[in-house]
Amino acid sequence: MNTEELTALAVDKLVDARGTACPGPLLEAKKAIGTISSGQIMEVLSADEGTKRDIPKWANKKGHDYLGTVEESGYFKIYLKKG
């Protein structure tokens, strides 16, 4: 998905992990994914560079769909669809 499509998604769960360093954002995402239903969209906000790599890798391993990442000024928005 492109940036425009990602930012237009209706997000079911927002996880703001910008104040945490690795592995904080991944741990927050793991905790939050259990609170939404299959097919719902989760957005993770993180300022940690490693999160761009870690969350998609974890999502694919667990059967969730990594939809993409949008880079903002000083942080990232990472979008997932629960499998």
N, C-alpha and C. Protein backbone atom coordinates (compact mmCIF):
# COMPACT_ATOMS: atom_id res chain seq x y z
N MET A 1 0.84 -1.18 0.00
CA MET A 1 0.00 0.00 0.00
C MET A 1 0.88 1.24 0.00
N ASN A 2 0.40 2.29 -0.64
CA ASN A 2 1.18 3.53 -0.63
C ASN A 2 0.80 4.39 0.58
N THR A 3 1.53 5.46 0.77
CA THR A 3 1.34 6.32 1.95
C THR A 3 -0.09 6.84 2.05
N GLU A 4 -0.64 7.26 0.93
CA GLU A 4 -2.00 7.80 0.93
C GLU A 4 -3.01 6.75 1.36
N GLU A 5 -2.87 5.53 0.85
CA GLU A 5 -3.78 4.44 1.22
C GLU A 5 -3.64 4.08 2.70
N LEU A 6 -2.42 4.04 3.18
CA LEU A 6 -2.17 3.70 4.58
C LEU A 6 -2.79 4.74 5.52
N THR A 7 -2.57 6.00 5.25
CA THR A 7 -3.08 7.04 6.14
C THR A 7 -4.59 7.17 6.06
N ALA A 8 -5.22 6.63 5.02
CA ALA A 8 -6.68 6.68 4.88
C ALA A 8 -7.37 5.50 5.57
N LEU A 9 -6.59 4.53 6.05
CA LEU A 9 -7.17 3.35 6.70
C LEU A 9 -7.94 3.72 7.96
N ALA A 10 -9.03 3.02 8.20
CA ALA A 10 -9.77 3.16 9.45
C ALA A 10 -9.07 2.26 10.46
N VAL A 11 -8.39 2.85 11.42
CA VAL A 11 -7.60 2.11 12.40
C VAL A 11 -8.48 1.71 13.59
N ASP A 12 -8.43 0.42 13.94
CA ASP A 12 -9.21 -0.09 15.07
C ASP A 12 -8.47 0.04 16.40
N LYS A 13 -7.13 0.02 16.34
CA LYS A 13 -6.33 0.10 17.56
C LYS A 13 -5.09 0.93 17.27
N LEU A 14 -4.86 1.94 18.10
CA LEU A 14 -3.68 2.78 17.98
C LEU A 14 -2.76 2.50 19.16
N VAL A 15 -1.50 2.19 18.87
CA VAL A 15 -0.51 1.93 19.91
C VAL A 15 0.57 3.00 19.79
N ASP A 16 0.64 3.88 20.78
CA ASP A 16 1.65 4.93 20.76
C ASP A 16 2.83 4.50 21.63
N ALA A 17 3.87 4.00 20.97
CA ALA A 17 5.06 3.52 21.68
C ALA A 17 6.25 4.43 21.41
N ARG A 18 5.98 5.69 21.09
CA ARG A 18 7.07 6.62 20.76
C ARG A 18 8.00 6.90 21.92
N GLY A 19 7.55 6.72 23.15
CA GLY A 19 8.39 6.99 24.31
C GLY A 19 9.22 5.80 24.76
N THR A 20 9.17 4.70 24.02
CA THR A 20 9.92 3.51 24.43
C THR A 20 10.99 3.16 23.39
N ALA A 21 12.06 2.55 23.88
CA ALA A 21 13.12 2.09 22.99
C ALA A 21 12.99 0.58 22.81
N CYS A 22 13.67 0.05 21.83
CA CYS A 22 13.64 -1.38 21.54
C CYS A 22 13.95 -2.18 22.80
N PRO A 23 13.20 -3.20 23.13
CA PRO A 23 12.10 -3.83 22.39
C PRO A 23 10.71 -3.33 22.77
N GLY A 24 10.61 -2.16 23.41
CA GLY A 24 9.33 -1.63 23.87
C GLY A 24 8.22 -1.58 22.84
N PRO A 25 8.46 -0.99 21.65
CA PRO A 25 7.38 -0.92 20.66
C PRO A 25 6.87 -2.31 20.23
N LEU A 26 7.77 -3.26 20.09
CA LEU A 26 7.36 -4.62 19.72
C LEU A 26 6.54 -5.25 20.84
N LEU A 27 6.96 -5.07 22.07
CA LEU A 27 6.21 -5.63 23.20
C LEU A 27 4.83 -5.00 23.30
N GLU A 28 4.74 -3.69 23.07
CA GLU A 28 3.44 -3.00 23.08
C GLU A 28 2.54 -3.54 21.97
N ALA A 29 3.12 -3.77 20.79
CA ALA A 29 2.34 -4.30 19.66
C ALA A 29 1.84 -5.71 19.97
N LYS A 30 2.70 -6.54 20.56
CA LYS A 30 2.31 -7.92 20.92
C LYS A 30 1.14 -7.91 21.90
N LYS A 31 1.20 -7.01 22.87
CA LYS A 31 0.14 -6.92 23.87
C LYS A 31 -1.16 -6.43 23.23
N ALA A 32 -1.06 -5.42 22.39
CA ALA A 32 -2.25 -4.79 21.79
C ALA A 32 -2.94 -5.67 20.75
N ILE A 33 -2.19 -6.50 20.04
CA ILE A 33 -2.80 -7.31 18.98
C ILE A 33 -3.84 -8.28 19.57
N GLY A 34 -3.66 -8.64 20.83
CA GLY A 34 -4.60 -9.54 21.49
C GLY A 34 -5.92 -8.88 21.85
N THR A 35 -5.98 -7.56 21.74
CA THR A 35 -7.20 -6.84 22.11
C THR A 35 -8.11 -6.55 20.91
N ILE A 36 -7.66 -6.92 19.70
CA ILE A 36 -8.49 -6.68 18.52
C ILE A 36 -8.86 -8.00 17.86
N SER A 37 -9.88 -7.95 17.02
CA SER A 37 -10.37 -9.15 16.33
C SER A 37 -9.65 -9.35 15.01
N SER A 38 -9.72 -10.56 14.52
CA SER A 38 -9.13 -10.91 13.23
C SER A 38 -9.70 -9.99 12.13
N GLY A 39 -8.82 -9.47 11.30
CA GLY A 39 -9.24 -8.58 10.22
C GLY A 39 -9.21 -7.11 10.58
N GLN A 40 -9.03 -6.80 11.86
CA GLN A 40 -8.97 -5.40 12.27
C GLN A 40 -7.57 -4.83 12.06
N ILE A 41 -7.50 -3.51 11.97
CA ILE A 41 -6.26 -2.81 11.67
C ILE A 41 -5.68 -2.18 12.93
N MET A 42 -4.37 -2.34 13.08
CA MET A 42 -3.65 -1.73 14.20
C MET A 42 -2.56 -0.82 13.64
N GLU A 43 -2.42 0.34 14.26
CA GLU A 43 -1.37 1.29 13.89
C GLU A 43 -0.43 1.44 15.08
N VAL A 44 0.86 1.27 14.84
CA VAL A 44 1.87 1.40 15.89
C VAL A 44 2.72 2.62 15.58
N LEU A 45 2.82 3.52 16.56
CA LEU A 45 3.68 4.69 16.43
C LEU A 45 4.97 4.42 17.19
N SER A 46 6.10 4.64 16.54
CA SER A 46 7.38 4.38 17.19
C SER A 46 8.45 5.31 16.64
N ALA A 47 9.32 5.75 17.54
CA ALA A 47 10.46 6.57 17.14
C ALA A 47 11.74 5.72 17.04
N ASP A 48 11.63 4.44 17.39
CA ASP A 48 12.79 3.55 17.38
C ASP A 48 13.02 2.98 15.98
N GLU A 49 14.19 3.21 15.43
CA GLU A 49 14.54 2.78 14.07
C GLU A 49 14.36 1.28 13.85
N GLY A 50 14.70 0.47 14.84
CA GLY A 50 14.60 -0.98 14.71
C GLY A 50 13.18 -1.50 14.56
N THR A 51 12.22 -0.70 14.99
CA THR A 51 10.82 -1.10 14.91
C THR A 51 10.38 -1.33 13.47
N LYS A 52 10.93 -0.56 12.54
CA LYS A 52 10.57 -0.70 11.12
C LYS A 52 10.89 -2.10 10.60
N ARG A 53 11.86 -2.74 11.19
CA ARG A 53 12.27 -4.08 10.80
C ARG A 53 11.61 -5.14 11.68
N ASP A 54 11.57 -4.88 12.99
CA ASP A 54 11.10 -5.89 13.95
C ASP A 54 9.62 -6.20 13.85
N ILE A 55 8.78 -5.18 13.75
CA ILE A 55 7.33 -5.42 13.73
C ILE A 55 6.88 -6.16 12.47
N PRO A 56 7.32 -5.78 11.26
CA PRO A 56 6.91 -6.56 10.09
C PRO A 56 7.37 -8.02 10.17
N LYS A 57 8.57 -8.25 10.65
CA LYS A 57 9.11 -9.60 10.78
C LYS A 57 8.25 -10.43 11.76
N TRP A 58 7.93 -9.84 12.91
CA TRP A 58 7.09 -10.51 13.90
C TRP A 58 5.68 -10.77 13.34
N ALA A 59 5.11 -9.76 12.68
CA ALA A 59 3.75 -9.89 12.14
C ALA A 59 3.65 -11.03 11.14
N ASN A 60 4.60 -11.10 10.23
CA ASN A 60 4.58 -12.17 9.22
C ASN A 60 4.77 -13.54 9.87
N LYS A 61 5.61 -13.61 10.87
CA LYS A 61 5.86 -14.87 11.59
C LYS A 61 4.60 -15.36 12.30
N LYS A 62 3.79 -14.42 12.81
CA LYS A 62 2.59 -14.75 13.58
C LYS A 62 1.32 -14.84 12.73
N GLY A 63 1.44 -14.60 11.42
CA GLY A 63 0.28 -14.72 10.54
C GLY A 63 -0.55 -13.45 10.39
N HIS A 64 0.00 -12.33 10.80
CA HIS A 64 -0.67 -11.04 10.61
C HIS A 64 -0.14 -10.42 9.32
N ASP A 65 -0.91 -9.51 8.74
CA ASP A 65 -0.49 -8.85 7.51
C ASP A 65 0.17 -7.51 7.82
N TYR A 66 1.41 -7.38 7.41
CA TYR A 66 2.10 -6.10 7.50
C TYR A 66 1.65 -5.29 6.30
N LEU A 67 1.02 -4.15 6.53
CA LEU A 67 0.46 -3.35 5.43
C LEU A 67 1.42 -2.28 4.93
N GLY A 68 2.30 -1.81 5.81
CA GLY A 68 3.26 -0.79 5.38
C GLY A 68 3.64 0.15 6.51
N THR A 69 4.60 1.01 6.20
CA THR A 69 5.12 1.99 7.15
C THR A 69 5.11 3.37 6.52
N VAL A 70 4.69 4.35 7.31
CA VAL A 70 4.72 5.74 6.88
C VAL A 70 5.71 6.47 7.79
N GLU A 71 6.66 7.16 7.19
CA GLU A 71 7.64 7.91 7.97
C GLU A 71 7.15 9.33 8.18
N GLU A 72 7.05 9.71 9.44
CA GLU A 72 6.67 11.07 9.81
C GLU A 72 7.93 11.76 10.32
N SER A 73 7.82 12.98 10.73
CA SER A 73 8.97 13.72 11.25
C SER A 73 9.32 13.20 12.65
N GLY A 74 10.37 12.38 12.74
CA GLY A 74 10.84 11.88 14.02
C GLY A 74 10.22 10.57 14.50
N TYR A 75 9.30 10.00 13.74
CA TYR A 75 8.70 8.71 14.13
C TYR A 75 8.10 8.00 12.93
N PHE A 76 7.67 6.77 13.16
CA PHE A 76 7.09 5.94 12.12
C PHE A 76 5.69 5.50 12.50
N LYS A 77 4.84 5.32 11.49
CA LYS A 77 3.51 4.74 11.67
C LYS A 77 3.55 3.39 10.95
N ILE A 78 3.34 2.32 11.70
CA ILE A 78 3.41 0.98 11.13
C ILE A 78 2.01 0.38 11.20
N TYR A 79 1.54 -0.12 10.05
CA TYR A 79 0.18 -0.64 9.96
C TYR A 79 0.15 -2.16 9.80
N LEU A 80 -0.71 -2.79 10.60
CA LEU A 80 -0.87 -4.25 10.56
C LEU A 80 -2.34 -4.60 10.50
N LYS A 81 -2.62 -5.76 9.89
CA LYS A 81 -3.97 -6.31 9.90
C LYS A 81 -3.87 -7.65 10.62
N LYS A 82 -4.68 -7.80 11.67
CA LYS A 82 -4.62 -9.04 12.45
C LYS A 82 -5.10 -10.22 11.61
N GLY A 83 -4.32 -11.30 11.65
CA GLY A 83 -4.63 -12.51 10.89
C GLY A 83 -5.60 -13.40 11.62
